[in-house]
Amino acid sequence: MPVASTANETVSNFNETIHDIIQKLQEAERDIKENKKEIQDLTSRLSTAENEIRQLSTQVSFSAVNEGLFEDFTTRVSSDTDIVFNKALVNVGGGYNTTTGVFTCPIAGRYFINYDFQVKNLGRGLVTTAAVGLLLNGGRVTRSQTALRQPDADVIMGAGLVLQLQQGDKLNVRTAKNWPGVFCWSWYGYSSMFSGFLLK
C-alpha cells in the first residue's frame, strides 16, 4: 500500500476519532447542564420544604368559634355530644377541622389548649346544668361543669392546660353523659370557643 494512502487513512481515522470525541464532549456538556438544572430545582424544592417545616414547627395554632347561630344565639346541646365549632378564626398548620370539630396534631410538641363556654339559664323555673370535657384520642382529659338556678343567669366555664401531643393525636370537646346544656355562642362577640397553640 502506498505511503500516501496509508497516511490519508490514518488522518481520516484520526479525524473521525476527534469528531466522535467532540460529539461525546458536547453530549456530556448537555448532560451536565441538564443535571445542573435538576440539582438547582431540587435544591430550591428542598429549601422550600425546609422553610415550610420550620414554619409548621414554630407556628401551629387554631382558634374556632360557632358562626351562623347569631339569630338563635343559644343552643341546647344533648349529653355525650361532640361540639363542633364551625368557623376557624385561625388555623395555622391546618390541624383543626370545622366539619368534625376535631384538632389533629400536625407535629409533636407541648401545646396549650383552652376551651370556654357561656352557659345560659333560659328560666322556666328550671335549673340549667352543663358539663363539657376535653377528649384526647377519645379519652376524657378534663371536665368542667356548672348549675344555674337563677332565670336568665349565665356563666363562663372552661379549662386551659398544657398537653404533650404526638403527631396524629386528636382533640375535641364533648358534653358529658347525662349533662345536656344550653350554650351561648355569641353575645356582642364570640362567647364560646376552642383554641390551642404549640409552645416554643
N, C-alpha and C. Protein backbone atom coordinates (compact mmCIF):
# COMPACT_ATOMS: atom_id res chain seq x y z
N MET A 1 0.85 -1.19 0.00
CA MET A 1 0.00 0.00 0.00
C MET A 1 0.89 1.24 0.00
N PRO A 2 0.59 2.20 -0.85
CA PRO A 2 1.41 3.42 -0.91
C PRO A 2 1.39 4.13 0.43
N VAL A 3 2.46 4.82 0.73
CA VAL A 3 2.59 5.55 1.99
C VAL A 3 1.56 6.66 2.09
N ALA A 4 1.32 7.35 0.99
CA ALA A 4 0.37 8.47 0.99
C ALA A 4 -1.03 7.99 1.33
N SER A 5 -1.40 6.83 0.78
CA SER A 5 -2.73 6.28 1.06
C SER A 5 -2.88 5.92 2.52
N THR A 6 -1.83 5.31 3.07
CA THR A 6 -1.85 4.93 4.48
C THR A 6 -1.95 6.16 5.36
N ALA A 7 -1.22 7.19 5.01
CA ALA A 7 -1.24 8.44 5.79
C ALA A 7 -2.63 9.08 5.73
N ASN A 8 -3.22 9.07 4.52
CA ASN A 8 -4.56 9.64 4.37
C ASN A 8 -5.58 8.88 5.23
N GLU A 9 -5.44 7.57 5.22
CA GLU A 9 -6.38 6.75 6.01
C GLU A 9 -6.21 7.01 7.50
N THR A 10 -4.97 7.16 7.91
CA THR A 10 -4.68 7.45 9.33
C THR A 10 -5.27 8.80 9.75
N VAL A 11 -5.08 9.79 8.87
CA VAL A 11 -5.63 11.12 9.15
C VAL A 11 -7.15 11.07 9.21
N SER A 12 -7.74 10.30 8.26
CA SER A 12 -9.18 10.18 8.23
C SER A 12 -9.71 9.54 9.52
N ASN A 13 -9.04 8.46 9.93
CA ASN A 13 -9.43 7.79 11.17
C ASN A 13 -9.27 8.71 12.37
N PHE A 14 -8.16 9.46 12.33
CA PHE A 14 -7.90 10.40 13.42
C PHE A 14 -8.98 11.48 13.48
N ASN A 15 -9.39 11.97 12.31
CA ASN A 15 -10.45 12.99 12.25
C ASN A 15 -11.78 12.45 12.77
N GLU A 16 -12.07 11.19 12.39
CA GLU A 16 -13.32 10.57 12.87
C GLU A 16 -13.28 10.43 14.40
N THR A 17 -12.10 10.04 14.89
CA THR A 17 -11.96 9.90 16.34
C THR A 17 -12.15 11.24 17.04
N ILE A 18 -11.51 12.26 16.48
CA ILE A 18 -11.68 13.60 17.05
C ILE A 18 -13.13 14.04 17.00
N HIS A 19 -13.80 13.75 15.87
CA HIS A 19 -15.22 14.11 15.73
C HIS A 19 -16.08 13.39 16.76
N ASP A 20 -15.80 12.10 16.96
CA ASP A 20 -16.55 11.32 17.96
C ASP A 20 -16.31 11.89 19.36
N ILE A 21 -15.06 12.23 19.65
CA ILE A 21 -14.74 12.80 20.97
C ILE A 21 -15.47 14.11 21.18
N ILE A 22 -15.48 14.95 20.13
CA ILE A 22 -16.17 16.24 20.24
C ILE A 22 -17.66 16.03 20.48
N GLN A 23 -18.27 15.09 19.76
CA GLN A 23 -19.70 14.80 19.95
C GLN A 23 -19.98 14.33 21.38
N LYS A 24 -19.11 13.44 21.87
CA LYS A 24 -19.30 12.94 23.23
C LYS A 24 -19.13 14.05 24.26
N LEU A 25 -18.14 14.93 24.00
CA LEU A 25 -17.95 16.06 24.90
C LEU A 25 -19.17 16.99 24.90
N GLN A 26 -19.73 17.22 23.70
CA GLN A 26 -20.91 18.06 23.59
C GLN A 26 -22.11 17.43 24.31
N GLU A 27 -22.26 16.10 24.13
CA GLU A 27 -23.33 15.39 24.82
C GLU A 27 -23.14 15.46 26.34
N ALA A 28 -21.87 15.28 26.78
CA ALA A 28 -21.58 15.35 28.21
C ALA A 28 -21.86 16.75 28.75
N GLU A 29 -21.55 17.76 27.95
CA GLU A 29 -21.81 19.14 28.36
C GLU A 29 -23.31 19.39 28.52
N ARG A 30 -24.10 18.85 27.56
CA ARG A 30 -25.55 18.99 27.66
C ARG A 30 -26.09 18.27 28.90
N ASP A 31 -25.55 17.06 29.14
CA ASP A 31 -25.98 16.30 30.33
C ASP A 31 -25.65 17.06 31.62
N ILE A 32 -24.45 17.66 31.64
CA ILE A 32 -24.04 18.41 32.83
C ILE A 32 -24.98 19.58 33.06
N LYS A 33 -25.33 20.29 31.97
CA LYS A 33 -26.24 21.43 32.09
C LYS A 33 -27.61 20.99 32.60
N GLU A 34 -28.11 19.85 32.04
CA GLU A 34 -29.41 19.34 32.48
C GLU A 34 -29.36 18.90 33.94
N ASN A 35 -28.27 18.20 34.31
CA ASN A 35 -28.13 17.76 35.69
C ASN A 35 -28.00 18.95 36.64
N LYS A 36 -27.28 19.98 36.17
CA LYS A 36 -27.12 21.17 36.99
C LYS A 36 -28.48 21.83 37.23
N LYS A 37 -29.32 21.89 36.18
CA LYS A 37 -30.65 22.47 36.33
C LYS A 37 -31.50 21.63 37.28
N GLU A 38 -31.42 20.29 37.15
CA GLU A 38 -32.18 19.43 38.04
C GLU A 38 -31.73 19.61 39.49
N ILE A 39 -30.40 19.74 39.69
CA ILE A 39 -29.87 19.95 41.03
C ILE A 39 -30.37 21.27 41.59
N GLN A 40 -30.37 22.32 40.75
CA GLN A 40 -30.87 23.62 41.20
C GLN A 40 -32.35 23.54 41.56
N ASP A 41 -33.15 22.83 40.74
CA ASP A 41 -34.58 22.66 41.04
C ASP A 41 -34.78 21.91 42.35
N LEU A 42 -34.01 20.81 42.53
CA LEU A 42 -34.13 20.02 43.75
C LEU A 42 -33.70 20.83 44.97
N THR A 43 -32.64 21.62 44.81
CA THR A 43 -32.18 22.46 45.92
C THR A 43 -33.24 23.49 46.30
N SER A 44 -33.88 24.06 45.29
CA SER A 44 -34.93 25.04 45.54
C SER A 44 -36.12 24.40 46.26
N ARG A 45 -36.53 23.20 45.78
CA ARG A 45 -37.65 22.50 46.40
C ARG A 45 -37.32 22.10 47.84
N LEU A 46 -36.07 21.66 48.06
CA LEU A 46 -35.65 21.29 49.41
C LEU A 46 -35.67 22.50 50.34
N SER A 47 -35.20 23.63 49.84
CA SER A 47 -35.21 24.86 50.64
C SER A 47 -36.64 25.26 51.00
N THR A 48 -37.56 25.15 50.01
CA THR A 48 -38.96 25.48 50.27
C THR A 48 -39.56 24.54 51.31
N ALA A 49 -39.26 23.25 51.19
CA ALA A 49 -39.78 22.26 52.15
C ALA A 49 -39.23 22.53 53.55
N GLU A 50 -37.94 22.88 53.63
CA GLU A 50 -37.34 23.17 54.93
C GLU A 50 -38.01 24.39 55.58
N ASN A 51 -38.29 25.40 54.76
CA ASN A 51 -38.96 26.59 55.29
C ASN A 51 -40.36 26.26 55.78
N GLU A 52 -41.08 25.42 55.01
CA GLU A 52 -42.43 25.04 55.42
C GLU A 52 -42.40 24.25 56.72
N ILE A 53 -41.44 23.33 56.85
CA ILE A 53 -41.31 22.54 58.07
C ILE A 53 -40.95 23.44 59.25
N ARG A 54 -40.05 24.41 59.01
CA ARG A 54 -39.66 25.33 60.06
C ARG A 54 -40.84 26.17 60.53
N GLN A 55 -41.64 26.64 59.56
CA GLN A 55 -42.82 27.43 59.92
C GLN A 55 -43.84 26.58 60.67
N LEU A 56 -44.03 25.35 60.16
CA LEU A 56 -45.00 24.47 60.81
C LEU A 56 -44.59 24.15 62.24
N SER A 57 -43.29 23.94 62.45
CA SER A 57 -42.81 23.55 63.77
C SER A 57 -42.86 24.69 64.77
N THR A 58 -42.99 25.91 64.29
CA THR A 58 -43.00 27.05 65.20
C THR A 58 -44.31 27.82 65.19
N GLN A 59 -45.24 27.47 64.30
CA GLN A 59 -46.43 28.30 64.15
C GLN A 59 -47.72 27.48 64.02
N VAL A 60 -47.88 26.47 64.87
CA VAL A 60 -49.13 25.72 64.87
C VAL A 60 -50.09 26.37 65.86
N SER A 61 -51.26 26.77 65.39
CA SER A 61 -52.24 27.39 66.29
C SER A 61 -53.62 27.32 65.65
N PHE A 62 -54.64 27.29 66.50
CA PHE A 62 -56.02 27.32 65.99
C PHE A 62 -56.91 28.00 67.02
N SER A 63 -57.96 28.60 66.53
CA SER A 63 -59.00 29.18 67.39
C SER A 63 -60.31 29.09 66.63
N ALA A 64 -61.29 28.40 67.20
CA ALA A 64 -62.54 28.11 66.49
C ALA A 64 -63.75 28.57 67.29
N VAL A 65 -64.76 29.04 66.56
CA VAL A 65 -66.00 29.54 67.17
C VAL A 65 -67.18 29.00 66.37
N ASN A 66 -68.38 29.29 66.87
CA ASN A 66 -69.59 28.93 66.12
C ASN A 66 -70.16 30.18 65.47
N GLU A 67 -70.38 30.10 64.17
CA GLU A 67 -70.97 31.21 63.44
C GLU A 67 -72.22 30.73 62.72
N GLY A 68 -73.14 31.64 62.46
CA GLY A 68 -74.39 31.26 61.82
C GLY A 68 -75.47 30.95 62.82
N LEU A 69 -75.16 31.15 64.11
CA LEU A 69 -76.13 30.88 65.17
C LEU A 69 -76.51 32.16 65.90
N PHE A 70 -76.25 33.31 65.27
CA PHE A 70 -76.45 34.58 65.98
C PHE A 70 -77.92 34.91 66.20
N GLU A 71 -78.80 34.54 65.26
CA GLU A 71 -80.22 34.84 65.44
C GLU A 71 -80.79 34.04 66.61
N ASP A 72 -80.40 32.78 66.68
CA ASP A 72 -80.76 31.95 67.82
C ASP A 72 -79.46 31.69 68.56
N PHE A 73 -79.04 32.68 69.38
CA PHE A 73 -77.67 32.65 69.88
C PHE A 73 -77.43 31.59 70.95
N THR A 74 -78.49 30.98 71.46
CA THR A 74 -78.31 29.88 72.40
C THR A 74 -78.80 28.58 71.77
N THR A 75 -78.13 27.50 72.11
CA THR A 75 -78.47 26.19 71.57
C THR A 75 -78.43 25.16 72.68
N ARG A 76 -79.47 24.34 72.76
CA ARG A 76 -79.45 23.22 73.71
C ARG A 76 -78.70 22.06 73.05
N VAL A 77 -77.66 21.60 73.73
CA VAL A 77 -76.84 20.51 73.20
C VAL A 77 -77.06 19.28 74.06
N SER A 78 -77.35 18.17 73.41
CA SER A 78 -77.63 16.92 74.12
C SER A 78 -76.38 16.43 74.86
N SER A 79 -76.59 15.54 75.82
CA SER A 79 -75.46 14.97 76.55
C SER A 79 -74.67 14.03 75.65
N ASP A 80 -73.40 13.85 76.00
CA ASP A 80 -72.49 12.95 75.28
C ASP A 80 -72.46 13.26 73.78
N THR A 81 -72.35 14.55 73.46
CA THR A 81 -72.38 15.01 72.07
C THR A 81 -71.12 15.82 71.76
N ASP A 82 -70.47 15.49 70.65
CA ASP A 82 -69.31 16.28 70.23
C ASP A 82 -69.76 17.67 69.82
N ILE A 83 -69.05 18.68 70.28
CA ILE A 83 -69.37 20.07 69.95
C ILE A 83 -68.48 20.51 68.80
N VAL A 84 -69.11 20.94 67.73
CA VAL A 84 -68.37 21.34 66.52
C VAL A 84 -68.41 22.86 66.40
N PHE A 85 -67.26 23.46 66.47
CA PHE A 85 -67.13 24.89 66.20
C PHE A 85 -66.88 25.04 64.70
N ASN A 86 -67.82 25.68 64.01
CA ASN A 86 -67.84 25.61 62.54
C ASN A 86 -67.05 26.69 61.83
N LYS A 87 -66.38 27.57 62.57
CA LYS A 87 -65.56 28.59 61.92
C LYS A 87 -64.21 28.69 62.62
N ALA A 88 -63.14 28.56 61.84
CA ALA A 88 -61.79 28.72 62.39
C ALA A 88 -61.34 30.16 62.16
N LEU A 89 -61.15 30.89 63.24
CA LEU A 89 -60.61 32.24 63.12
C LEU A 89 -59.13 32.20 62.75
N VAL A 90 -58.44 31.20 63.27
CA VAL A 90 -57.03 30.94 62.97
C VAL A 90 -56.87 29.44 62.85
N ASN A 91 -56.10 29.00 61.85
CA ASN A 91 -55.88 27.56 61.70
C ASN A 91 -54.51 27.33 61.04
N VAL A 92 -53.46 27.84 61.68
CA VAL A 92 -52.11 27.72 61.14
C VAL A 92 -51.63 26.28 61.33
N GLY A 93 -51.25 25.65 60.25
CA GLY A 93 -50.86 24.24 60.29
C GLY A 93 -51.98 23.32 59.85
N GLY A 94 -53.21 23.87 59.73
CA GLY A 94 -54.33 23.11 59.19
C GLY A 94 -54.81 21.98 60.05
N GLY A 95 -54.57 22.04 61.36
CA GLY A 95 -54.93 20.91 62.22
C GLY A 95 -56.40 20.83 62.60
N TYR A 96 -57.10 21.99 62.61
CA TYR A 96 -58.49 21.97 63.07
C TYR A 96 -59.46 21.75 61.91
N ASN A 97 -60.44 20.87 62.14
CA ASN A 97 -61.44 20.53 61.12
C ASN A 97 -62.79 21.14 61.53
N THR A 98 -63.29 22.10 60.74
CA THR A 98 -64.54 22.79 61.08
C THR A 98 -65.77 21.92 60.83
N THR A 99 -65.60 20.79 60.19
CA THR A 99 -66.73 19.88 59.95
C THR A 99 -66.91 18.90 61.11
N THR A 100 -65.79 18.41 61.64
CA THR A 100 -65.86 17.41 62.71
C THR A 100 -65.64 18.01 64.10
N GLY A 101 -65.03 19.20 64.17
CA GLY A 101 -64.70 19.79 65.46
C GLY A 101 -63.47 19.19 66.10
N VAL A 102 -62.68 18.46 65.33
CA VAL A 102 -61.51 17.76 65.85
C VAL A 102 -60.23 18.49 65.44
N PHE A 103 -59.32 18.67 66.40
CA PHE A 103 -57.98 19.16 66.11
C PHE A 103 -57.05 17.96 66.05
N THR A 104 -56.40 17.77 64.90
CA THR A 104 -55.44 16.69 64.71
C THR A 104 -54.04 17.29 64.75
N CYS A 105 -53.24 16.87 65.71
CA CYS A 105 -51.91 17.45 65.92
C CYS A 105 -51.02 17.21 64.70
N PRO A 106 -50.53 18.29 64.05
CA PRO A 106 -49.70 18.11 62.85
C PRO A 106 -48.24 17.85 63.16
N ILE A 107 -47.80 18.21 64.36
CA ILE A 107 -46.39 18.00 64.72
C ILE A 107 -46.31 17.84 66.23
N ALA A 108 -45.47 16.91 66.68
CA ALA A 108 -45.36 16.63 68.11
C ALA A 108 -44.81 17.82 68.88
N GLY A 109 -45.26 17.98 70.11
CA GLY A 109 -44.76 19.05 70.95
C GLY A 109 -45.69 19.33 72.12
N ARG A 110 -45.34 20.36 72.89
CA ARG A 110 -46.17 20.78 74.02
C ARG A 110 -47.15 21.85 73.54
N TYR A 111 -48.43 21.63 73.78
CA TYR A 111 -49.48 22.53 73.32
C TYR A 111 -50.24 23.09 74.51
N PHE A 112 -50.61 24.37 74.40
CA PHE A 112 -51.57 24.94 75.33
C PHE A 112 -52.95 24.86 74.68
N ILE A 113 -53.89 24.21 75.37
CA ILE A 113 -55.24 24.00 74.85
C ILE A 113 -56.23 24.67 75.80
N ASN A 114 -57.21 25.35 75.22
CA ASN A 114 -58.19 26.08 76.03
C ASN A 114 -59.58 25.98 75.40
N TYR A 115 -60.60 25.86 76.25
CA TYR A 115 -61.98 25.98 75.77
C TYR A 115 -62.79 26.76 76.79
N ASP A 116 -63.69 27.59 76.30
CA ASP A 116 -64.59 28.38 77.14
C ASP A 116 -66.00 28.26 76.59
N PHE A 117 -66.98 28.13 77.50
CA PHE A 117 -68.39 28.07 77.11
C PHE A 117 -69.21 29.02 77.97
N GLN A 118 -70.05 29.80 77.31
CA GLN A 118 -71.02 30.60 78.05
C GLN A 118 -72.29 29.76 78.18
N VAL A 119 -72.65 29.46 79.42
CA VAL A 119 -73.83 28.64 79.72
C VAL A 119 -74.96 29.56 80.15
N LYS A 120 -76.14 29.34 79.61
CA LYS A 120 -77.28 30.23 79.82
C LYS A 120 -78.44 29.49 80.49
N ASN A 121 -79.08 30.14 81.48
CA ASN A 121 -80.31 29.62 82.07
C ASN A 121 -81.47 30.37 81.42
N LEU A 122 -82.31 29.64 80.68
CA LEU A 122 -83.42 30.27 79.96
C LEU A 122 -84.65 30.49 80.84
N GLY A 123 -84.53 30.16 82.13
CA GLY A 123 -85.65 30.40 83.03
C GLY A 123 -86.60 29.22 83.09
N ARG A 124 -87.92 29.50 83.10
CA ARG A 124 -88.97 28.48 83.18
C ARG A 124 -88.90 27.71 84.50
N GLY A 125 -88.25 28.29 85.52
CA GLY A 125 -88.22 27.66 86.83
C GLY A 125 -87.34 26.43 86.90
N LEU A 126 -86.49 26.22 85.94
CA LEU A 126 -85.65 25.04 85.91
C LEU A 126 -84.21 25.38 86.26
N VAL A 127 -83.51 24.41 86.77
CA VAL A 127 -82.07 24.54 87.00
C VAL A 127 -81.37 24.10 85.71
N THR A 128 -80.52 24.97 85.18
CA THR A 128 -79.77 24.64 83.98
C THR A 128 -78.41 24.10 84.37
N THR A 129 -78.10 22.92 83.90
CA THR A 129 -76.80 22.32 84.18
C THR A 129 -76.06 22.12 82.86
N ALA A 130 -74.76 22.09 82.95
CA ALA A 130 -73.95 21.82 81.77
C ALA A 130 -72.61 21.26 82.21
N ALA A 131 -72.09 20.33 81.44
CA ALA A 131 -70.77 19.78 81.72
C ALA A 131 -70.13 19.41 80.39
N VAL A 132 -68.90 19.84 80.21
CA VAL A 132 -68.15 19.52 78.99
C VAL A 132 -66.76 19.06 79.38
N GLY A 133 -66.12 18.39 78.47
CA GLY A 133 -64.76 17.93 78.72
C GLY A 133 -63.95 17.87 77.45
N LEU A 134 -62.64 17.91 77.62
CA LEU A 134 -61.71 17.77 76.50
C LEU A 134 -61.34 16.31 76.37
N LEU A 135 -61.43 15.80 75.13
CA LEU A 135 -61.08 14.41 74.86
C LEU A 135 -59.79 14.34 74.05
N LEU A 136 -58.90 13.45 74.45
CA LEU A 136 -57.67 13.17 73.73
C LEU A 136 -57.74 11.75 73.20
N ASN A 137 -57.84 11.62 71.89
CA ASN A 137 -57.97 10.31 71.25
C ASN A 137 -59.13 9.51 71.85
N GLY A 138 -60.22 10.21 72.17
CA GLY A 138 -61.42 9.56 72.68
C GLY A 138 -61.48 9.42 74.18
N GLY A 139 -60.39 9.68 74.87
CA GLY A 139 -60.37 9.57 76.33
C GLY A 139 -60.49 10.95 76.97
N ARG A 140 -61.32 11.05 78.01
CA ARG A 140 -61.57 12.35 78.63
C ARG A 140 -60.37 12.80 79.45
N VAL A 141 -59.94 14.05 79.21
CA VAL A 141 -58.82 14.64 79.94
C VAL A 141 -59.30 15.61 81.00
N THR A 142 -60.33 16.42 80.69
CA THR A 142 -60.84 17.42 81.64
C THR A 142 -62.35 17.29 81.76
N ARG A 143 -62.87 17.94 82.80
CA ARG A 143 -64.32 18.06 82.97
C ARG A 143 -64.61 19.41 83.62
N SER A 144 -65.49 20.17 83.01
CA SER A 144 -65.93 21.46 83.56
C SER A 144 -67.45 21.42 83.64
N GLN A 145 -68.02 21.86 84.76
CA GLN A 145 -69.47 21.79 84.90
C GLN A 145 -70.00 22.96 85.73
N THR A 146 -71.28 23.23 85.57
CA THR A 146 -71.92 24.31 86.31
C THR A 146 -73.41 24.01 86.45
N ALA A 147 -74.06 24.71 87.39
CA ALA A 147 -75.51 24.63 87.57
C ALA A 147 -76.03 26.03 87.85
N LEU A 148 -77.00 26.47 87.05
CA LEU A 148 -77.56 27.81 87.19
C LEU A 148 -79.01 27.71 87.67
N ARG A 149 -79.31 28.41 88.73
CA ARG A 149 -80.65 28.34 89.31
C ARG A 149 -81.46 29.61 89.06
N GLN A 150 -80.81 30.74 88.81
CA GLN A 150 -81.50 31.99 88.60
C GLN A 150 -81.90 32.14 87.14
N PRO A 151 -83.15 32.52 86.85
CA PRO A 151 -83.57 32.74 85.46
C PRO A 151 -82.71 33.81 84.78
N ASP A 152 -82.41 33.57 83.53
CA ASP A 152 -81.62 34.47 82.69
C ASP A 152 -80.19 34.65 83.19
N ALA A 153 -79.77 33.81 84.12
CA ALA A 153 -78.38 33.88 84.57
C ALA A 153 -77.48 33.20 83.53
N ASP A 154 -76.23 33.60 83.53
CA ASP A 154 -75.27 32.93 82.65
C ASP A 154 -73.90 32.94 83.31
N VAL A 155 -73.05 32.03 82.87
CA VAL A 155 -71.72 31.91 83.44
C VAL A 155 -70.78 31.38 82.36
N ILE A 156 -69.50 31.72 82.47
CA ILE A 156 -68.48 31.17 81.58
C ILE A 156 -67.77 30.04 82.31
N MET A 157 -67.68 28.89 81.68
CA MET A 157 -66.93 27.80 82.27
C MET A 157 -65.96 27.27 81.21
N GLY A 158 -64.88 26.68 81.67
CA GLY A 158 -63.91 26.15 80.72
C GLY A 158 -62.67 25.66 81.43
N ALA A 159 -61.64 25.41 80.65
CA ALA A 159 -60.39 24.91 81.20
C ALA A 159 -59.26 25.22 80.23
N GLY A 160 -58.06 25.35 80.77
CA GLY A 160 -56.87 25.52 79.96
C GLY A 160 -55.75 24.70 80.55
N LEU A 161 -55.00 24.02 79.71
CA LEU A 161 -53.93 23.17 80.21
C LEU A 161 -52.88 22.94 79.12
N VAL A 162 -51.71 22.47 79.54
CA VAL A 162 -50.63 22.13 78.61
C VAL A 162 -50.60 20.63 78.44
N LEU A 163 -50.57 20.19 77.19
CA LEU A 163 -50.52 18.76 76.88
C LEU A 163 -49.33 18.45 75.99
N GLN A 164 -48.69 17.33 76.24
CA GLN A 164 -47.66 16.82 75.35
C GLN A 164 -48.36 15.96 74.30
N LEU A 165 -48.37 16.42 73.06
CA LEU A 165 -49.07 15.71 71.99
C LEU A 165 -48.09 15.10 71.00
N GLN A 166 -48.50 13.99 70.43
CA GLN A 166 -47.75 13.35 69.35
C GLN A 166 -48.44 13.64 68.03
N GLN A 167 -47.69 13.57 66.95
CA GLN A 167 -48.28 13.80 65.63
C GLN A 167 -49.42 12.81 65.40
N GLY A 168 -50.58 13.33 65.00
CA GLY A 168 -51.74 12.49 64.75
C GLY A 168 -52.70 12.39 65.92
N ASP A 169 -52.29 12.85 67.11
CA ASP A 169 -53.22 12.87 68.25
C ASP A 169 -54.43 13.75 67.93
N LYS A 170 -55.60 13.37 68.45
CA LYS A 170 -56.83 14.09 68.15
C LYS A 170 -57.46 14.64 69.42
N LEU A 171 -57.86 15.91 69.35
CA LEU A 171 -58.52 16.58 70.47
C LEU A 171 -59.88 17.09 70.03
N ASN A 172 -60.88 16.95 70.90
CA ASN A 172 -62.19 17.56 70.65
C ASN A 172 -62.91 17.77 71.98
N VAL A 173 -63.97 18.54 71.93
CA VAL A 173 -64.74 18.87 73.13
C VAL A 173 -66.11 18.18 73.03
N ARG A 174 -66.56 17.60 74.15
CA ARG A 174 -67.82 16.84 74.17
C ARG A 174 -68.58 17.09 75.46
N THR A 175 -69.89 17.17 75.37
CA THR A 175 -70.70 17.25 76.59
C THR A 175 -70.63 15.92 77.34
N ALA A 176 -70.78 16.00 78.66
CA ALA A 176 -70.68 14.80 79.49
C ALA A 176 -71.96 13.98 79.41
N LYS A 177 -71.87 12.72 79.77
CA LYS A 177 -73.05 11.86 79.80
C LYS A 177 -74.03 12.38 80.85
N ASN A 178 -75.31 12.39 80.48
CA ASN A 178 -76.40 12.83 81.36
C ASN A 178 -76.30 14.31 81.75
N TRP A 179 -75.53 15.09 80.98
CA TRP A 179 -75.38 16.51 81.26
C TRP A 179 -75.57 17.32 79.98
N PRO A 180 -76.81 17.48 79.52
CA PRO A 180 -77.03 18.39 78.39
C PRO A 180 -76.83 19.82 78.86
N GLY A 181 -76.70 20.75 77.94
CA GLY A 181 -76.51 22.13 78.35
C GLY A 181 -77.05 23.11 77.33
N VAL A 182 -77.30 24.34 77.78
CA VAL A 182 -77.71 25.42 76.89
C VAL A 182 -76.53 26.38 76.78
N PHE A 183 -75.96 26.46 75.59
CA PHE A 183 -74.75 27.24 75.40
C PHE A 183 -75.05 28.48 74.56
N CYS A 184 -74.39 29.56 74.92
CA CYS A 184 -74.49 30.81 74.16
C CYS A 184 -73.22 30.95 73.34
N TRP A 185 -73.40 31.07 72.04
CA TRP A 185 -72.24 31.12 71.14
C TRP A 185 -71.74 32.54 70.92
N SER A 186 -72.62 33.50 71.00
CA SER A 186 -72.20 34.88 70.78
C SER A 186 -73.08 35.81 71.60
N TRP A 187 -72.43 36.84 72.16
CA TRP A 187 -73.16 37.87 72.90
C TRP A 187 -72.34 39.15 72.78
N TYR A 188 -72.68 39.93 71.75
CA TYR A 188 -71.87 41.09 71.39
C TYR A 188 -70.43 40.67 71.10
N GLY A 189 -70.29 39.55 70.43
CA GLY A 189 -68.99 38.96 70.16
C GLY A 189 -69.01 37.50 70.53
N TYR A 190 -68.03 36.76 70.08
CA TYR A 190 -67.99 35.32 70.37
C TYR A 190 -67.83 35.08 71.86
N SER A 191 -68.62 34.15 72.41
CA SER A 191 -68.56 33.90 73.84
C SER A 191 -68.27 32.44 74.18
N SER A 192 -68.20 31.56 73.19
CA SER A 192 -67.79 30.17 73.40
C SER A 192 -66.77 29.84 72.32
N MET A 193 -65.68 29.16 72.69
CA MET A 193 -64.61 28.94 71.72
C MET A 193 -63.71 27.78 72.14
N PHE A 194 -62.92 27.31 71.18
CA PHE A 194 -61.98 26.20 71.36
C PHE A 194 -60.69 26.62 70.69
N SER A 195 -59.57 26.62 71.44
CA SER A 195 -58.32 27.15 70.91
C SER A 195 -57.13 26.34 71.38
N GLY A 196 -56.01 26.51 70.69
CA GLY A 196 -54.77 25.88 71.10
C GLY A 196 -53.60 26.34 70.27
N PHE A 197 -52.39 26.19 70.81
CA PHE A 197 -51.21 26.55 70.04
C PHE A 197 -49.99 25.78 70.56
N LEU A 198 -49.03 25.61 69.67
CA LEU A 198 -47.78 24.93 70.02
C LEU A 198 -46.87 25.88 70.77
N LEU A 199 -46.38 25.44 71.91
CA LEU A 199 -45.47 26.26 72.71
C LEU A 199 -44.06 26.15 72.13
N LYS A 200 -43.35 27.26 72.09
CA LYS A 200 -41.97 27.25 71.57
C LYS A 200 -41.01 26.85 72.67
